[in-house]
C-alpha atoms as a PDB file:
ATOM      1  CA  MET A   1      17.424 -47.512 -66.399  1.00  0.00           C
ATOM      2  CA  LEU A   2      16.283 -43.873 -64.042  1.00  0.00           C
ATOM      3  CA  GLN A   3      17.814 -41.124 -67.294  1.00  0.00           C
ATOM      4  CA  SER A   4      15.509 -43.708 -69.579  1.00  0.00           C
ATOM      5  CA  VAL A   5      12.630 -43.643 -67.285  1.00  0.00           C
ATOM      6  CA  ARG A   6      13.145 -39.548 -67.137  1.00  0.00           C
ATOM      7  CA  GLU A   7      13.467 -38.918 -71.119  1.00  0.00           C
ATOM      8  CA  VAL A   8      10.546 -41.628 -72.001  1.00  0.00           C
ATOM      9  CA  GLY A   9       8.587 -38.699 -69.504  1.00  0.00           C
ATOM     10  CA  ILE A  10       9.719 -35.622 -71.178  1.00  0.00           C
ATOM     11  CA  GLU A  11       8.842 -37.592 -74.657  1.00  0.00           C
ATOM     12  CA  GLU A  12       5.108 -38.535 -73.637  1.00  0.00           C
ATOM     13  CA  GLY A  13       4.535 -35.077 -71.947  1.00  0.00           C
ATOM     14  CA  ILE A  14       6.431 -33.724 -75.657  1.00  0.00           C
ATOM     15  CA  GLU A  15       4.168 -35.538 -77.395  1.00  0.00           C
ATOM     16  CA  ILE A  16       0.992 -34.775 -75.156  1.00  0.00           C
ATOM     17  CA  GLY A  17       2.064 -30.631 -75.686  1.00  0.00           C
ATOM     18  CA  ILE A  18       2.083 -31.216 -79.042  1.00  0.00           C
ATOM     19  CA  GLN A  19      -1.039 -32.629 -79.640  1.00  0.00           C
ATOM     20  CA  LYS A  20      -3.209 -30.172 -78.085  1.00  0.00           C
ATOM     21  CA  GLY A  21      -1.523 -27.607 -79.454  1.00  0.00           C
ATOM     22  CA  MET A  22      -2.665 -28.860 -82.271  1.00  0.00           C
ATOM     23  CA  LYS A  23      -5.907 -29.390 -81.018  1.00  0.00           C
ATOM     24  CA  LYS A  24      -6.101 -25.712 -80.053  1.00  0.00           C
ATOM     25  CA  GLY A  25      -4.911 -24.284 -83.737  1.00  0.00           C
ATOM     26  CA  MET A  26      -7.615 -26.712 -85.620  1.00  0.00           C
ATOM     27  CA  GLU A  27     -10.211 -25.041 -83.192  1.00  0.00           C
ATOM     28  CA  LYS A  28      -8.812 -22.131 -83.654  1.00  0.00           C
ATOM     29  CA  GLY A  29      -8.884 -22.250 -87.459  1.00  0.00           C
ATOM     30  CA  ARG A  30     -12.345 -23.462 -87.833  1.00  0.00           C
ATOM     31  CA  LEU A  31     -13.865 -20.996 -85.884  1.00  0.00           C
ATOM     32  CA  ILE A  32     -11.661 -18.418 -87.744  1.00  0.00           C
ATOM     33  CA  GLY A  33     -13.061 -20.040 -90.985  1.00  0.00           C
ATOM     34  CA  LYS A  34     -16.639 -19.449 -89.466  1.00  0.00           C
ATOM     35  CA  ILE A  35     -16.046 -15.835 -88.806  1.00  0.00           C
ATOM     36  CA  LEU A  36     -14.502 -15.114 -91.902  1.00  0.00           C
ATOM     37  CA  MET A  37     -17.298 -17.077 -94.309  1.00  0.00           C
ATOM     38  CA  ALA A  38     -20.490 -14.953 -91.927  1.00  0.00           C
ATOM     39  CA  GLN A  39     -18.927 -11.630 -92.365  1.00  0.00           C
ATOM     40  CA  LEU A  40     -19.000 -12.389 -96.250  1.00  0.00           C
ATOM     41  CA  VAL A  41     -22.581 -13.572 -96.018  1.00  0.00           C
ATOM     42  CA  ILE A  42     -23.235 -10.430 -94.420  1.00  0.00           C
ATOM     43  CA  ARG A  43     -21.186  -8.497 -96.698  1.00  0.00           C
ATOM     44  CA  GLN A  44     -19.776  -6.554 -93.838  1.00  0.00           C
ATOM     45  CA  ALA A  45     -15.397  -7.641 -93.321  1.00  0.00           C
ATOM     46  CA  VAL A  46     -14.706  -6.132 -89.693  1.00  0.00           C
ATOM     47  CA  TYR A  47     -12.385  -8.378 -89.252  1.00  0.00           C
ATOM     48  CA  SER A  48      -9.367  -9.509 -91.550  1.00  0.00           C
ATOM     49  CA  GLU A  49      -7.881 -13.247 -90.963  1.00  0.00           C
ATOM     50  CA  GLN A  50      -4.765 -11.276 -89.390  1.00  0.00           C
ATOM     51  CA  GLU A  51      -6.564  -9.589 -86.970  1.00  0.00           C
ATOM     52  CA  LEU A  52      -8.731 -12.456 -86.062  1.00  0.00           C
ATOM     53  CA  GLU A  53      -5.207 -14.707 -85.652  1.00  0.00           C
ATOM     54  CA  ILE A  54      -3.851 -13.127 -82.641  1.00  0.00           C
ATOM     55  CA  LYS A  55      -7.610 -13.297 -80.648  1.00  0.00           C
ATOM     56  CA  SER A  56      -7.776 -16.068 -78.384  1.00  0.00           C
ATOM     57  CA  ILE A  57     -10.022 -19.100 -78.475  1.00  0.00           C
ATOM     58  CA  ASP A  58     -12.908 -17.130 -76.100  1.00  0.00           C
ATOM     59  CA  GLU A  59     -12.497 -13.919 -77.986  1.00  0.00           C
ATOM     60  CA  LEU A  60     -12.773 -15.861 -81.478  1.00  0.00           C
ATOM     61  CA  LYS A  61     -16.229 -17.640 -79.796  1.00  0.00           C
ATOM     62  CA  ARG A  62     -17.809 -14.491 -78.734  1.00  0.00           C
ATOM     63  CA  LEU A  63     -16.652 -13.251 -82.277  1.00  0.00           C
ATOM     64  CA  LEU A  64     -18.631 -15.522 -84.012  1.00  0.00           C
ATOM     65  CA  ALA A  65     -21.299 -15.460 -81.593  1.00  0.00           C
ATOM     66  CA  GLU A  66     -22.040 -11.717 -82.808  1.00  0.00           C
ATOM     67  CA  THR A  67     -21.500 -12.352 -86.448  1.00  0.00           C
ATOM     68  CA  GLU A  68     -23.998 -15.195 -86.572  1.00  0.00           C
ATOM     69  CA  MET A  69     -26.509 -12.723 -84.399  1.00  0.00           C
ATOM     70  CA  LYS A  70     -26.120  -9.914 -86.789  1.00  0.00           C
ATOM     71  CA  MET A  71     -26.906 -13.404 -89.890  1.00  0.00           C
ATOM     72  CA  SER A  72     -30.641 -13.355 -87.616  1.00  0.00           C
END
């Protein structure tokens, strides 16, 4: 009984972790897409997709804000 409860808890924890990881990945993907599109609009390729992929979400948000400022 205790083992099965523990296994259910572990499975639920894994599922929650997967969901959170997917959500973060999707957010990063959207930010990267916006940055790349903004770079195209202003005709300034500063970062490649590979360079952006290794950055944190906070860094990507900052870069997007900077790039959008250049569009104004």
